[in-house]
């Protein structure tokens, strides 16, 4: 199973579930996906970096 993240929708897509994956979606690893969800569950926000890759928003 491949996991993708789309900057335009700020959503995750799975090739085994979704038939329409946005053109801007980039593949991420299972480990990256799990890490992002764990951090999101503790109140962090998922944002994208300049390359469209998902990351956690750093509070300043």
PDB file of N, CA and C in Angstrom:
ATOM      1  N   UNK A   1       0.835  -1.172   0.000  1.00  0.00           N
ATOM      2  CA  UNK A   1       0.000   0.000   0.000  1.00  0.00           C
ATOM      3  C   UNK A   1       0.888   1.246   0.000  1.00  0.00           C
ATOM      4  N   UNK A   2       0.548   2.187  -0.849  1.00  0.00           N
ATOM      5  CA  UNK A   2       1.255   3.463  -0.902  1.00  0.00           C
ATOM      6  C   UNK A   2       0.367   4.536  -0.285  1.00  0.00           C
ATOM      7  N   UNK A   3       1.026   5.456   0.433  1.00  0.00           N
ATOM      8  CA  UNK A   3       0.319   6.567   1.079  1.00  0.00           C
ATOM      9  C   UNK A   3       0.799   7.862   0.438  1.00  0.00           C
ATOM     10  N   UNK A   4      -0.152   8.743   0.144  1.00  0.00           N
ATOM     11  CA  UNK A   4       0.165  10.021  -0.479  1.00  0.00           C
ATOM     12  C   UNK A   4      -0.409  11.155   0.359  1.00  0.00           C
ATOM     13  N   UNK A   5       0.225  12.328   0.246  1.00  0.00           N
ATOM     14  CA  UNK A   5      -0.277  13.535   0.886  1.00  0.00           C
ATOM     15  C   UNK A   5      -0.408  14.616  -0.174  1.00  0.00           C
ATOM     16  N   UNK A   6      -1.548  15.293  -0.182  1.00  0.00           N
ATOM     17  CA  UNK A   6      -1.795  16.364  -1.140  1.00  0.00           C
ATOM     18  C   UNK A   6      -1.760  17.717  -0.440  1.00  0.00           C
ATOM     19  N   UNK A   7      -0.914  18.600  -0.935  1.00  0.00           N
ATOM     20  CA  UNK A   7      -0.819  19.959  -0.387  1.00  0.00           C
ATOM     21  C   UNK A   7      -2.115  20.730  -0.640  1.00  0.00           C
ATOM     22  N   UNK A   8      -2.718  20.546  -1.802  1.00  0.00           N
ATOM     23  CA  UNK A   8      -3.903  21.325  -2.150  1.00  0.00           C
ATOM     24  C   UNK A   8      -5.123  20.963  -1.304  1.00  0.00           C
ATOM     25  N   UNK A   9      -5.202  19.730  -0.863  1.00  0.00           N
ATOM     26  CA  UNK A   9      -6.349  19.310  -0.045  1.00  0.00           C
ATOM     27  C   UNK A   9      -5.964  19.093   1.409  1.00  0.00           C
ATOM     28  N   UNK A  10      -4.671  19.145   1.698  1.00  0.00           N
ATOM     29  CA  UNK A  10      -4.102  18.802   3.008  1.00  0.00           C
ATOM     30  C   UNK A  10      -4.671  17.480   3.513  1.00  0.00           C
ATOM     31  N   UNK A  11      -4.748  16.535   2.576  1.00  0.00           N
ATOM     32  CA  UNK A  11      -5.313  15.236   2.905  1.00  0.00           C
ATOM     33  C   UNK A  11      -4.390  14.093   2.550  1.00  0.00           C
ATOM     34  N   UNK A  12      -4.647  12.955   3.183  1.00  0.00           N
ATOM     35  CA  UNK A  12      -3.910  11.730   2.912  1.00  0.00           C
ATOM     36  C   UNK A  12      -4.728  10.843   1.989  1.00  0.00           C
ATOM     37  N   UNK A  13      -4.044  10.120   1.127  1.00  0.00           N
ATOM     38  CA  UNK A  13      -4.691   9.230   0.169  1.00  0.00           C
ATOM     39  C   UNK A  13      -3.958   7.897   0.148  1.00  0.00           C
ATOM     40  N   UNK A  14      -4.725   6.837   0.009  1.00  0.00           N
ATOM     41  CA  UNK A  14      -4.179   5.482  -0.025  1.00  0.00           C
ATOM     42  C   UNK A  14      -4.512   4.861  -1.377  1.00  0.00           C
ATOM     43  N   UNK A  15      -3.498   4.322  -2.045  1.00  0.00           N
ATOM     44  CA  UNK A  15      -3.737   3.794  -3.387  1.00  0.00           C
ATOM     45  C   UNK A  15      -4.704   2.606  -3.403  1.00  0.00           C
ATOM     46  N   UNK A  16      -4.863   1.912  -2.291  1.00  0.00           N
ATOM     47  CA  UNK A  16      -5.772   0.771  -2.235  1.00  0.00           C
ATOM     48  C   UNK A  16      -7.219   1.195  -1.958  1.00  0.00           C
ATOM     49  N   UNK A  17      -7.424   2.468  -1.615  1.00  0.00           N
ATOM     50  CA  UNK A  17      -8.768   2.967  -1.314  1.00  0.00           C
ATOM     51  C   UNK A  17      -9.228   4.012  -2.323  1.00  0.00           C
ATOM     52  N   UNK A  18      -8.371   4.983  -2.583  1.00  0.00           N
ATOM     53  CA  UNK A  18      -8.755   6.135  -3.408  1.00  0.00           C
ATOM     54  C   UNK A  18      -8.425   5.910  -4.880  1.00  0.00           C
ATOM     55  N   UNK A  19      -9.391   6.196  -5.726  1.00  0.00           N
ATOM     56  CA  UNK A  19      -9.160   6.074  -7.166  1.00  0.00           C
ATOM     57  C   UNK A  19      -8.769   7.404  -7.791  1.00  0.00           C
ATOM     58  N   UNK A  20      -9.099   8.503  -7.124  1.00  0.00           N
ATOM     59  CA  UNK A  20      -8.753   9.841  -7.618  1.00  0.00           C
ATOM     60  C   UNK A  20      -7.804  10.508  -6.631  1.00  0.00           C
ATOM     61  N   UNK A  21      -6.530  10.422  -6.929  1.00  0.00           N
ATOM     62  CA  UNK A  21      -5.510  11.034  -6.085  1.00  0.00           C
ATOM     63  C   UNK A  21      -5.063  12.327  -6.765  1.00  0.00           C
ATOM     64  N   UNK A  22      -5.075  13.459  -6.039  1.00  0.00           N
ATOM     65  CA  UNK A  22      -4.704  14.740  -6.657  1.00  0.00           C
ATOM     66  C   UNK A  22      -3.316  14.701  -7.310  1.00  0.00           C
ATOM     67  N   UNK A  23      -3.163  15.484  -8.357  1.00  0.00           N
ATOM     68  CA  UNK A  23      -1.898  15.533  -9.105  1.00  0.00           C
ATOM     69  C   UNK A  23      -0.726  16.005  -8.255  1.00  0.00           C
ATOM     70  N   UNK A  24      -0.998  16.832  -7.243  1.00  0.00           N
ATOM     71  CA  UNK A  24       0.099  17.353  -6.423  1.00  0.00           C
ATOM     72  C   UNK A  24       0.471  16.430  -5.262  1.00  0.00           C
ATOM     73  N   UNK A  25      -0.169  15.283  -5.152  1.00  0.00           N
ATOM     74  CA  UNK A  25       0.097  14.366  -4.041  1.00  0.00           C
ATOM     75  C   UNK A  25       1.491  13.752  -4.168  1.00  0.00           C
ATOM     76  N   UNK A  26       2.170  13.673  -3.030  1.00  0.00           N
ATOM     77  CA  UNK A  26       3.493  13.062  -2.995  1.00  0.00           C
ATOM     78  C   UNK A  26       3.443  11.840  -2.085  1.00  0.00           C
ATOM     79  N   UNK A  27       4.241  10.845  -2.393  1.00  0.00           N
ATOM     80  CA  UNK A  27       4.259   9.636  -1.597  1.00  0.00           C
ATOM     81  C   UNK A  27       5.029   9.860  -0.299  1.00  0.00           C
ATOM     82  N   UNK A  28       4.473   9.344   0.791  1.00  0.00           N
ATOM     83  CA  UNK A  28       5.157   9.381   2.078  1.00  0.00           C
ATOM     84  C   UNK A  28       5.217   7.959   2.625  1.00  0.00           C
ATOM     85  N   UNK A  29       6.083   7.741   3.583  1.00  0.00           N
ATOM     86  CA  UNK A  29       6.236   6.398   4.141  1.00  0.00           C
ATOM     87  C   UNK A  29       5.175   6.148   5.223  1.00  0.00           C
ATOM     88  N   UNK A  30       4.978   4.875   5.533  1.00  0.00           N
ATOM     89  CA  UNK A  30       4.069   4.488   6.609  1.00  0.00           C
ATOM     90  C   UNK A  30       4.527   5.109   7.927  1.00  0.00           C
ATOM     91  N   UNK A  31       5.827   5.133   8.142  1.00  0.00           N
ATOM     92  CA  UNK A  31       6.394   5.707   9.357  1.00  0.00           C
ATOM     93  C   UNK A  31       6.098   7.204   9.445  1.00  0.00           C
ATOM     94  N   UNK A  32       6.267   7.923   8.351  1.00  0.00           N
ATOM     95  CA  UNK A  32       5.975   9.360   8.334  1.00  0.00           C
ATOM     96  C   UNK A  32       4.493   9.598   8.635  1.00  0.00           C
ATOM     97  N   UNK A  33       3.643   8.797   8.017  1.00  0.00           N
ATOM     98  CA  UNK A  33       2.198   8.917   8.219  1.00  0.00           C
ATOM     99  C   UNK A  33       1.836   8.704   9.695  1.00  0.00           C
ATOM    100  N   UNK A  34       2.356   7.653  10.293  1.00  0.00           N
ATOM    101  CA  UNK A  34       2.063   7.355  11.691  1.00  0.00           C
ATOM    102  C   UNK A  34       2.561   8.464  12.617  1.00  0.00           C
ATOM    103  N   UNK A  35       3.751   8.973  12.342  1.00  0.00           N
ATOM    104  CA  UNK A  35       4.310  10.049  13.157  1.00  0.00           C
ATOM    105  C   UNK A  35       3.442  11.305  13.075  1.00  0.00           C
ATOM    106  N   UNK A  36       3.004  11.644  11.889  1.00  0.00           N
ATOM    107  CA  UNK A  36       2.160  12.823  11.712  1.00  0.00           C
ATOM    108  C   UNK A  36       0.842  12.670  12.466  1.00  0.00           C
ATOM    109  N   UNK A  37       0.216  11.495  12.374  1.00  0.00           N
ATOM    110  CA  UNK A  37      -1.051  11.285  13.056  1.00  0.00           C
ATOM    111  C   UNK A  37      -0.895  11.292  14.572  1.00  0.00           C
ATOM    112  N   UNK A  38       0.196  10.725  15.062  1.00  0.00           N
ATOM    113  CA  UNK A  38       0.451  10.733  16.508  1.00  0.00           C
ATOM    114  C   UNK A  38       0.582  12.168  17.016  1.00  0.00           C
ATOM    115  N   UNK A  39       1.333  12.978  16.302  1.00  0.00           N
ATOM    116  CA  UNK A  39       1.523  14.368  16.723  1.00  0.00           C
ATOM    117  C   UNK A  39       0.240  15.171  16.585  1.00  0.00           C
ATOM    118  N   UNK A  40      -0.538  14.902  15.537  1.00  0.00           N
ATOM    119  CA  UNK A  40      -1.808  15.590  15.353  1.00  0.00           C
ATOM    120  C   UNK A  40      -2.764  15.252  16.499  1.00  0.00           C
ATOM    121  N   UNK A  41      -2.726  14.018  16.963  1.00  0.00           N
ATOM    122  CA  UNK A  41      -3.628  13.596  18.039  1.00  0.00           C
ATOM    123  C   UNK A  41      -3.307  14.276  19.370  1.00  0.00           C
ATOM    124  N   UNK A  42      -2.112  14.869  19.473  1.00  0.00           N
ATOM    125  CA  UNK A  42      -1.748  15.583  20.699  1.00  0.00           C
ATOM    126  C   UNK A  42      -1.865  17.104  20.522  1.00  0.00           C
ATOM    127  N   UNK A  43      -2.551  17.529  19.455  1.00  0.00           N
ATOM    128  CA  UNK A  43      -2.840  18.945  19.280  1.00  0.00           C
ATOM    129  C   UNK A  43      -1.984  19.690  18.275  1.00  0.00           C
ATOM    130  N   UNK A  44      -1.036  19.022  17.651  1.00  0.00           N
ATOM    131  CA  UNK A  44      -0.200  19.686  16.654  1.00  0.00           C
ATOM    132  C   UNK A  44      -0.928  19.761  15.309  1.00  0.00           C
ATOM    133  N   UNK A  45      -0.562  20.736  14.519  1.00  0.00           N
ATOM    134  CA  UNK A  45      -1.180  20.955  13.215  1.00  0.00           C
ATOM    135  C   UNK A  45      -0.270  20.450  12.099  1.00  0.00           C
ATOM    136  N   UNK A  46      -0.861  19.715  11.146  1.00  0.00           N
ATOM    137  CA  UNK A  46      -0.113  19.248   9.977  1.00  0.00           C
ATOM    138  C   UNK A  46      -0.161  20.350   8.925  1.00  0.00           C
ATOM    139  N   UNK A  47       1.010  20.762   8.463  1.00  0.00           N
ATOM    140  CA  UNK A  47       1.143  21.771   7.412  1.00  0.00           C
ATOM    141  C   UNK A  47       2.083  21.213   6.348  1.00  0.00           C
ATOM    142  N   UNK A  48       2.344  21.983   5.318  1.00  0.00           N
ATOM    143  CA  UNK A  48       3.265  21.535   4.282  1.00  0.00           C
ATOM    144  C   UNK A  48       4.497  22.424   4.235  1.00  0.00           C
ATOM    145  N   UNK A  49       5.614  21.806   3.862  1.00  0.00           N
ATOM    146  CA  UNK A  49       6.828  22.605   3.690  1.00  0.00           C
ATOM    147  C   UNK A  49       6.859  23.142   2.262  1.00  0.00           C
ATOM    148  N   UNK A  50       7.928  23.815   1.895  1.00  0.00           N
ATOM    149  CA  UNK A  50       8.010  24.450   0.580  1.00  0.00           C
ATOM    150  C   UNK A  50       7.968  23.450  -0.576  1.00  0.00           C
ATOM    151  N   UNK A  51       8.272  22.177  -0.292  1.00  0.00           N
ATOM    152  CA  UNK A  51       8.244  21.143  -1.323  1.00  0.00           C
ATOM    153  C   UNK A  51       6.926  20.379  -1.350  1.00  0.00           C
ATOM    154  N   UNK A  52       5.979  20.766  -0.519  1.00  0.00           N
ATOM    155  CA  UNK A  52       4.682  20.114  -0.482  1.00  0.00           C
ATOM    156  C   UNK A  52       4.636  18.888   0.428  1.00  0.00           C
ATOM    157  N   UNK A  53       5.706  18.658   1.165  1.00  0.00           N
ATOM    158  CA  UNK A  53       5.775  17.506   2.060  1.00  0.00           C
ATOM    159  C   UNK A  53       5.102  17.857   3.390  1.00  0.00           C
ATOM    160  N   UNK A  54       4.304  16.933   3.949  1.00  0.00           N
ATOM    161  CA  UNK A  54       3.662  17.228   5.228  1.00  0.00           C
ATOM    162  C   UNK A  54       4.655  17.266   6.365  1.00  0.00           C
ATOM    163  N   UNK A  55       4.418  18.192   7.271  1.00  0.00           N
ATOM    164  CA  UNK A  55       5.259  18.354   8.451  1.00  0.00           C
ATOM    165  C   UNK A  55       4.395  18.909   9.579  1.00  0.00           C
ATOM    166  N   UNK A  56       4.938  18.986  10.750  1.00  0.00           N
ATOM    167  CA  UNK A  56       4.210  19.525  11.893  1.00  0.00           C
ATOM    168  C   UNK A  56       4.558  21.004  12.053  1.00  0.00           C
ATOM    169  N   UNK A  57       3.526  21.819  12.266  1.00  0.00           N
ATOM    170  CA  UNK A  57       3.735  23.254  12.460  1.00  0.00           C
ATOM    171  C   UNK A  57       4.496  23.477  13.753  1.00  0.00           C
ATOM    172  N   UNK A  58       5.558  24.252  13.658  1.00  0.00           N
ATOM    173  CA  UNK A  58       6.380  24.569  14.815  1.00  0.00           C
ATOM    174  C   UNK A  58       5.844  25.844  15.448  1.00  0.00           C
ATOM    175  N   UNK A  59       5.504  25.733  16.728  1.00  0.00           N
ATOM    176  CA  UNK A  59       5.010  26.909  17.460  1.00  0.00           C
ATOM    177  C   UNK A  59       6.192  27.797  17.823  1.00  0.00           C
ATOM    178  N   UNK A  60       6.028  29.085  17.692  1.00  0.00           N
ATOM    179  CA  UNK A  60       7.074  30.043  18.032  1.00  0.00           C
ATOM    180  C   UNK A  60       6.640  30.899  19.165  1.00  0.00           C
TER     181      UNK A  60
END
